[in-house]
Amino acid sequence: FFVPQVITGGHYDVDCRLEDPDGIVLYKEMKKQYDSFTFTASRNGTYKFCFSNEFSTFTHKTVYFDFQVGDEPPLFPSENRVTALTQMESACVSIHEALKSVIDYQTHFRLREAQGRSRAEDLNTRVAYWSIGEAIILLVVSIGQVFLLKSFFSDKRTTTTRVGS
């Protein structure tokens, strides 16, 4: 089970590829933000995955991925079990399943919180630059108005020159 997700950066998309030990491509997607891919490993070995950001080289991205390999061993092995689970054991199993679900939800909400934080920081930066720009424009306009009003009230004397005296 393979889950890639782009958390921050650009248009929240990235290229992703998964290869088996023989180099055969099992999964290849272009410009995806989020996806989930389930497969059964055909053989033992090193599986490779690659995230590419070639189409957006100037934008840095944060990518979350999760591998879930194999099935989780049972909480109470049934090897030497002749009877059914007791009420306490079945309650433990249901609590264990519920806690696994809680972990998945927490991971999801942490990723969403990271996305929200990134967007808020980006918005904060834009607002700060916009405010600085407005302050500079306000300063230039006010200085221009002062000089313009000063020119209205200044006494301009014309000088005459005499020729030949």
C-alpha atoms as a PDB file:
ATOM      1  CA  PHE A   1       0.000   0.000   0.000  1.00  0.00           C
ATOM      2  CA  PHE A   2       1.637   3.280  -1.167  1.00  0.00           C
ATOM      3  CA  VAL A   3       0.204   6.754  -0.515  1.00  0.00           C
ATOM      4  CA  PRO A   4       1.991   9.892  -1.884  1.00  0.00           C
ATOM      5  CA  GLN A   5       0.630  13.370  -1.083  1.00  0.00           C
ATOM      6  CA  VAL A   6       2.013  16.852  -1.829  1.00  0.00           C
ATOM      7  CA  ILE A   7       1.735  18.994   1.296  1.00  0.00           C
ATOM      8  CA  THR A   8       3.177  22.359   0.211  1.00  0.00           C
ATOM      9  CA  GLY A   9       4.561  24.066  -2.852  1.00  0.00           C
ATOM     10  CA  GLY A  10       3.512  25.197  -6.293  1.00  0.00           C
ATOM     11  CA  HIS A  11       0.246  23.808  -7.578  1.00  0.00           C
ATOM     12  CA  TYR A  12       0.513  20.925  -5.097  1.00  0.00           C
ATOM     13  CA  ASP A  13       1.434  18.397  -7.781  1.00  0.00           C
ATOM     14  CA  VAL A  14       4.398  16.120  -8.416  1.00  0.00           C
ATOM     15  CA  ASP A  15       5.395  13.203 -10.656  1.00  0.00           C
ATOM     16  CA  CYS A  16       5.715   9.819  -8.967  1.00  0.00           C
ATOM     17  CA  ARG A  17       7.074   6.449 -10.106  1.00  0.00           C
ATOM     18  CA  LEU A  18       7.329   3.049  -8.340  1.00  0.00           C
ATOM     19  CA  GLU A  19       9.533   0.242  -9.675  1.00  0.00           C
ATOM     20  CA  ASP A  20       9.983  -3.380  -8.641  1.00  0.00           C
ATOM     21  CA  PRO A  21      13.445  -4.997  -8.166  1.00  0.00           C
ATOM     22  CA  ASP A  22      13.611  -5.870 -11.897  1.00  0.00           C
ATOM     23  CA  GLY A  23      13.065  -2.231 -12.898  1.00  0.00           C
ATOM     24  CA  ILE A  24       9.505  -2.800 -14.124  1.00  0.00           C
ATOM     25  CA  VAL A  25       7.343   0.263 -13.508  1.00  0.00           C
ATOM     26  CA  LEU A  26       4.417  -0.647 -11.244  1.00  0.00           C
ATOM     27  CA  TYR A  27       3.018   2.836 -10.803  1.00  0.00           C
ATOM     28  CA  LYS A  28       3.590   6.061 -12.736  1.00  0.00           C
ATOM     29  CA  GLU A  29       1.551   9.223 -12.401  1.00  0.00           C
ATOM     30  CA  MET A  30       2.219  12.740 -13.629  1.00  0.00           C
ATOM     31  CA  LYS A  31       1.287  15.949 -11.789  1.00  0.00           C
ATOM     32  CA  LYS A  32      -0.711  14.345  -9.001  1.00  0.00           C
ATOM     33  CA  GLN A  33      -1.464  15.937  -5.637  1.00  0.00           C
ATOM     34  CA  TYR A  34      -2.744  12.863  -3.850  1.00  0.00           C
ATOM     35  CA  ASP A  35      -3.114   9.219  -4.767  1.00  0.00           C
ATOM     36  CA  SER A  36      -3.295   5.775  -3.251  1.00  0.00           C
ATOM     37  CA  PHE A  37      -1.877   2.641  -4.849  1.00  0.00           C
ATOM     38  CA  THR A  38      -2.228  -0.922  -3.583  1.00  0.00           C
ATOM     39  CA  PHE A  39      -0.196  -3.803  -5.001  1.00  0.00           C
ATOM     40  CA  THR A  40       1.034  -7.252  -4.038  1.00  0.00           C
ATOM     41  CA  ALA A  41       4.785  -7.695  -4.229  1.00  0.00           C
ATOM     42  CA  SER A  42       5.575 -10.404  -6.746  1.00  0.00           C
ATOM     43  CA  ARG A  43       9.068 -11.023  -5.421  1.00  0.00           C
ATOM     44  CA  ASN A  44      11.491 -10.083  -2.682  1.00  0.00           C
ATOM     45  CA  GLY A  45      13.955  -7.284  -3.243  1.00  0.00           C
ATOM     46  CA  THR A  46      14.348  -3.538  -3.209  1.00  0.00           C
ATOM     47  CA  TYR A  47      11.431  -1.569  -4.582  1.00  0.00           C
ATOM     48  CA  LYS A  48      12.283   1.982  -5.696  1.00  0.00           C
ATOM     49  CA  PHE A  49      10.083   5.042  -5.754  1.00  0.00           C
ATOM     50  CA  CYS A  50      10.944   8.432  -7.190  1.00  0.00           C
ATOM     51  CA  PHE A  51       9.302  11.827  -6.901  1.00  0.00           C
ATOM     52  CA  SER A  52      10.097  14.285  -9.679  1.00  0.00           C
ATOM     53  CA  ASN A  53       9.594  18.029  -9.797  1.00  0.00           C
ATOM     54  CA  GLU A  54      11.093  18.631 -13.259  1.00  0.00           C
ATOM     55  CA  PHE A  55       8.134  20.620 -14.587  1.00  0.00           C
ATOM     56  CA  SER A  56       8.312  23.052 -11.659  1.00  0.00           C
ATOM     57  CA  THR A  57      12.008  23.465 -10.904  1.00  0.00           C
ATOM     58  CA  PHE A  58      11.707  26.832  -9.150  1.00  0.00           C
ATOM     59  CA  THR A  59       9.058  25.736  -6.667  1.00  0.00           C
ATOM     60  CA  HIS A  60      10.132  23.630  -3.714  1.00  0.00           C
ATOM     61  CA  LYS A  61       7.619  21.057  -2.531  1.00  0.00           C
ATOM     62  CA  THR A  62       7.044  18.998   0.576  1.00  0.00           C
ATOM     63  CA  VAL A  63       5.827  15.465  -0.120  1.00  0.00           C
ATOM     64  CA  TYR A  64       4.381  13.004   2.387  1.00  0.00           C
ATOM     65  CA  PHE A  65       4.361   9.322   1.562  1.00  0.00           C
ATOM     66  CA  ASP A  66       3.329   6.268   3.488  1.00  0.00           C
ATOM     67  CA  PHE A  67       4.208   2.637   2.880  1.00  0.00           C
ATOM     68  CA  GLN A  68       2.239  -0.072   4.603  1.00  0.00           C
ATOM     69  CA  VAL A  69       3.998  -3.361   4.029  1.00  0.00           C
ATOM     70  CA  GLY A  70       2.255  -6.635   4.762  1.00  0.00           C
ATOM     71  CA  ASP A  71      -0.561  -7.444   7.099  1.00  0.00           C
ATOM     72  CA  GLU A  72      -0.320  -6.675  10.760  1.00  0.00           C
ATOM     73  CA  PRO A  73       0.031  -9.797  12.904  1.00  0.00           C
ATOM     74  CA  PRO A  74      -3.090 -10.596  14.902  1.00  0.00           C
ATOM     75  CA  LEU A  75      -3.351  -9.243  18.409  1.00  0.00           C
ATOM     76  CA  PHE A  76      -4.110 -12.706  19.788  1.00  0.00           C
ATOM     77  CA  PRO A  77      -2.487 -15.455  17.675  1.00  0.00           C
ATOM     78  CA  SER A  78      -4.873 -18.320  16.994  1.00  0.00           C
ATOM     79  CA  GLU A  79      -2.160 -21.013  16.796  1.00  0.00           C
ATOM     80  CA  ASN A  80      -2.948 -22.824  20.052  1.00  0.00           C
ATOM     81  CA  ARG A  81      -6.492 -21.528  20.376  1.00  0.00           C
ATOM     82  CA  VAL A  82      -9.296 -24.015  20.809  1.00  0.00           C
ATOM     83  CA  THR A  83     -11.960 -21.653  22.115  1.00  0.00           C
ATOM     84  CA  ALA A  84     -13.323 -18.386  20.812  1.00  0.00           C
ATOM     85  CA  LEU A  85     -12.009 -15.070  22.046  1.00  0.00           C
ATOM     86  CA  THR A  86     -13.145 -14.047  25.492  1.00  0.00           C
ATOM     87  CA  GLN A  87     -15.198 -10.910  25.899  1.00  0.00           C
ATOM     88  CA  MET A  88     -12.140  -8.989  27.124  1.00  0.00           C
ATOM     89  CA  GLU A  89      -9.987 -10.216  24.223  1.00  0.00           C
ATOM     90  CA  SER A  90     -12.611  -9.243  21.641  1.00  0.00           C
ATOM     91  CA  ALA A  91     -12.925  -5.826  23.309  1.00  0.00           C
ATOM     92  CA  CYS A  92      -9.129  -5.434  23.056  1.00  0.00           C
ATOM     93  CA  VAL A  93      -9.255  -6.304  19.361  1.00  0.00           C
ATOM     94  CA  SER A  94     -11.999  -3.751  18.664  1.00  0.00           C
ATOM     95  CA  ILE A  95     -10.144  -1.070  20.672  1.00  0.00           C
ATOM     96  CA  HIS A  96      -6.956  -1.865  18.749  1.00  0.00           C
ATOM     97  CA  GLU A  97      -8.790  -1.452  15.420  1.00  0.00           C
ATOM     98  CA  ALA A  98     -10.327   1.830  16.593  1.00  0.00           C
ATOM     99  CA  LEU A  99      -6.891   3.145  17.654  1.00  0.00           C
ATOM    100  CA  LYS A 100      -5.437   2.292  14.238  1.00  0.00           C
ATOM    101  CA  SER A 101      -8.262   4.304  12.700  1.00  0.00           C
ATOM    102  CA  VAL A 102      -7.491   7.199  15.068  1.00  0.00           C
ATOM    103  CA  ILE A 103      -3.825   7.133  13.978  1.00  0.00           C
ATOM    104  CA  ASP A 104      -4.887   7.359  10.331  1.00  0.00           C
ATOM    105  CA  TYR A 105      -7.189  10.299  11.076  1.00  0.00           C
ATOM    106  CA  GLN A 106      -4.477  12.078  13.080  1.00  0.00           C
ATOM    107  CA  THR A 107      -2.021  11.688  10.213  1.00  0.00           C
ATOM    108  CA  HIS A 108      -4.595  13.076   7.790  1.00  0.00           C
ATOM    109  CA  PHE A 109      -5.359  16.070  10.010  1.00  0.00           C
ATOM    110  CA  ARG A 110      -1.659  16.784  10.611  1.00  0.00           C
ATOM    111  CA  LEU A 111      -1.120  16.887   6.850  1.00  0.00           C
ATOM    112  CA  ARG A 112      -4.085  19.223   6.414  1.00  0.00           C
ATOM    113  CA  GLU A 113      -2.759  21.404   9.241  1.00  0.00           C
ATOM    114  CA  ALA A 114       0.639  21.600   7.529  1.00  0.00           C
ATOM    115  CA  GLN A 115      -1.054  22.659   4.293  1.00  0.00           C
ATOM    116  CA  GLY A 116      -3.080  25.304   6.109  1.00  0.00           C
ATOM    117  CA  ARG A 117      -0.016  26.608   7.933  1.00  0.00           C
ATOM    118  CA  SER A 118       1.908  26.883   4.662  1.00  0.00           C
ATOM    119  CA  ARG A 119      -0.935  28.782   3.017  1.00  0.00           C
ATOM    120  CA  ALA A 120      -1.283  31.100   6.030  1.00  0.00           C
ATOM    121  CA  GLU A 121       2.451  31.869   6.031  1.00  0.00           C
ATOM    122  CA  ASP A 122       2.336  32.576   2.290  1.00  0.00           C
ATOM    123  CA  LEU A 123      -0.643  34.872   2.778  1.00  0.00           C
ATOM    124  CA  ASN A 124       1.125  36.625   5.670  1.00  0.00           C
ATOM    125  CA  THR A 125       4.174  37.263   3.455  1.00  0.00           C
ATOM    126  CA  ARG A 126       2.015  38.661   0.659  1.00  0.00           C
ATOM    127  CA  VAL A 127       0.116  40.948   3.046  1.00  0.00           C
ATOM    128  CA  ALA A 128       3.401  42.220   4.517  1.00  0.00           C
ATOM    129  CA  TYR A 129       4.828  43.047   1.066  1.00  0.00           C
ATOM    130  CA  TRP A 130       1.553  44.688   0.017  1.00  0.00           C
ATOM    131  CA  SER A 131       1.557  46.812   3.200  1.00  0.00           C
ATOM    132  CA  ILE A 132       5.159  47.908   2.639  1.00  0.00           C
ATOM    133  CA  GLY A 133       4.312  48.825  -0.961  1.00  0.00           C
ATOM    134  CA  GLU A 134       1.282  50.840   0.134  1.00  0.00           C
ATOM    135  CA  ALA A 135       3.354  52.654   2.773  1.00  0.00           C
ATOM    136  CA  ILE A 136       5.975  53.617   0.177  1.00  0.00           C
ATOM    137  CA  ILE A 137       3.314  54.816  -2.264  1.00  0.00           C
ATOM    138  CA  LEU A 138       1.624  56.816   0.517  1.00  0.00           C
ATOM    139  CA  LEU A 139       4.942  58.437   1.448  1.00  0.00           C
ATOM    140  CA  VAL A 140       5.764  59.381  -2.165  1.00  0.00           C
ATOM    141  CA  VAL A 141       2.277  60.807  -2.788  1.00  0.00           C
ATOM    142  CA  SER A 142       2.301  62.841   0.441  1.00  0.00           C
ATOM    143  CA  ILE A 143       5.739  64.301  -0.353  1.00  0.00           C
ATOM    144  CA  GLY A 144       4.541  65.120  -3.872  1.00  0.00           C
ATOM    145  CA  GLN A 145       1.454  66.871  -2.507  1.00  0.00           C
ATOM    146  CA  VAL A 146       3.546  68.931  -0.085  1.00  0.00           C
ATOM    147  CA  PHE A 147       5.767  70.175  -2.911  1.00  0.00           C
ATOM    148  CA  LEU A 148       2.755  70.842  -5.141  1.00  0.00           C
ATOM    149  CA  LEU A 149       0.978  72.882  -2.458  1.00  0.00           C
ATOM    150  CA  LYS A 150       4.205  74.723  -1.682  1.00  0.00           C
ATOM    151  CA  SER A 151       4.521  75.724  -5.325  1.00  0.00           C
ATOM    152  CA  PHE A 152       1.001  77.242  -5.254  1.00  0.00           C
ATOM    153  CA  PHE A 153       1.859  79.591  -2.398  1.00  0.00           C
ATOM    154  CA  SER A 154       5.416  80.534  -3.238  1.00  0.00           C
ATOM    155  CA  ASP A 155       5.966  84.033  -4.614  1.00  0.00           C
ATOM    156  CA  LYS A 156       7.551  83.819  -8.008  1.00  0.00           C
ATOM    157  CA  ARG A 157       9.326  87.056  -8.840  1.00  0.00           C
ATOM    158  CA  THR A 158      10.231  87.745 -12.361  1.00  0.00           C
ATOM    159  CA  THR A 159      13.503  89.451 -12.923  1.00  0.00           C
ATOM    160  CA  THR A 160      14.061  91.900 -15.720  1.00  0.00           C
ATOM    161  CA  THR A 161      17.383  92.655 -17.190  1.00  0.00           C
ATOM    162  CA  ARG A 162      18.237  95.963 -18.743  1.00  0.00           C
ATOM    163  CA  VAL A 163      20.111  96.016 -21.898  1.00  0.00           C
ATOM    164  CA  GLY A 164      22.459  98.853 -22.734  1.00  0.00           C
ATOM    165  CA  SER A 165      22.473 101.005 -19.604  1.00  0.00           C
END
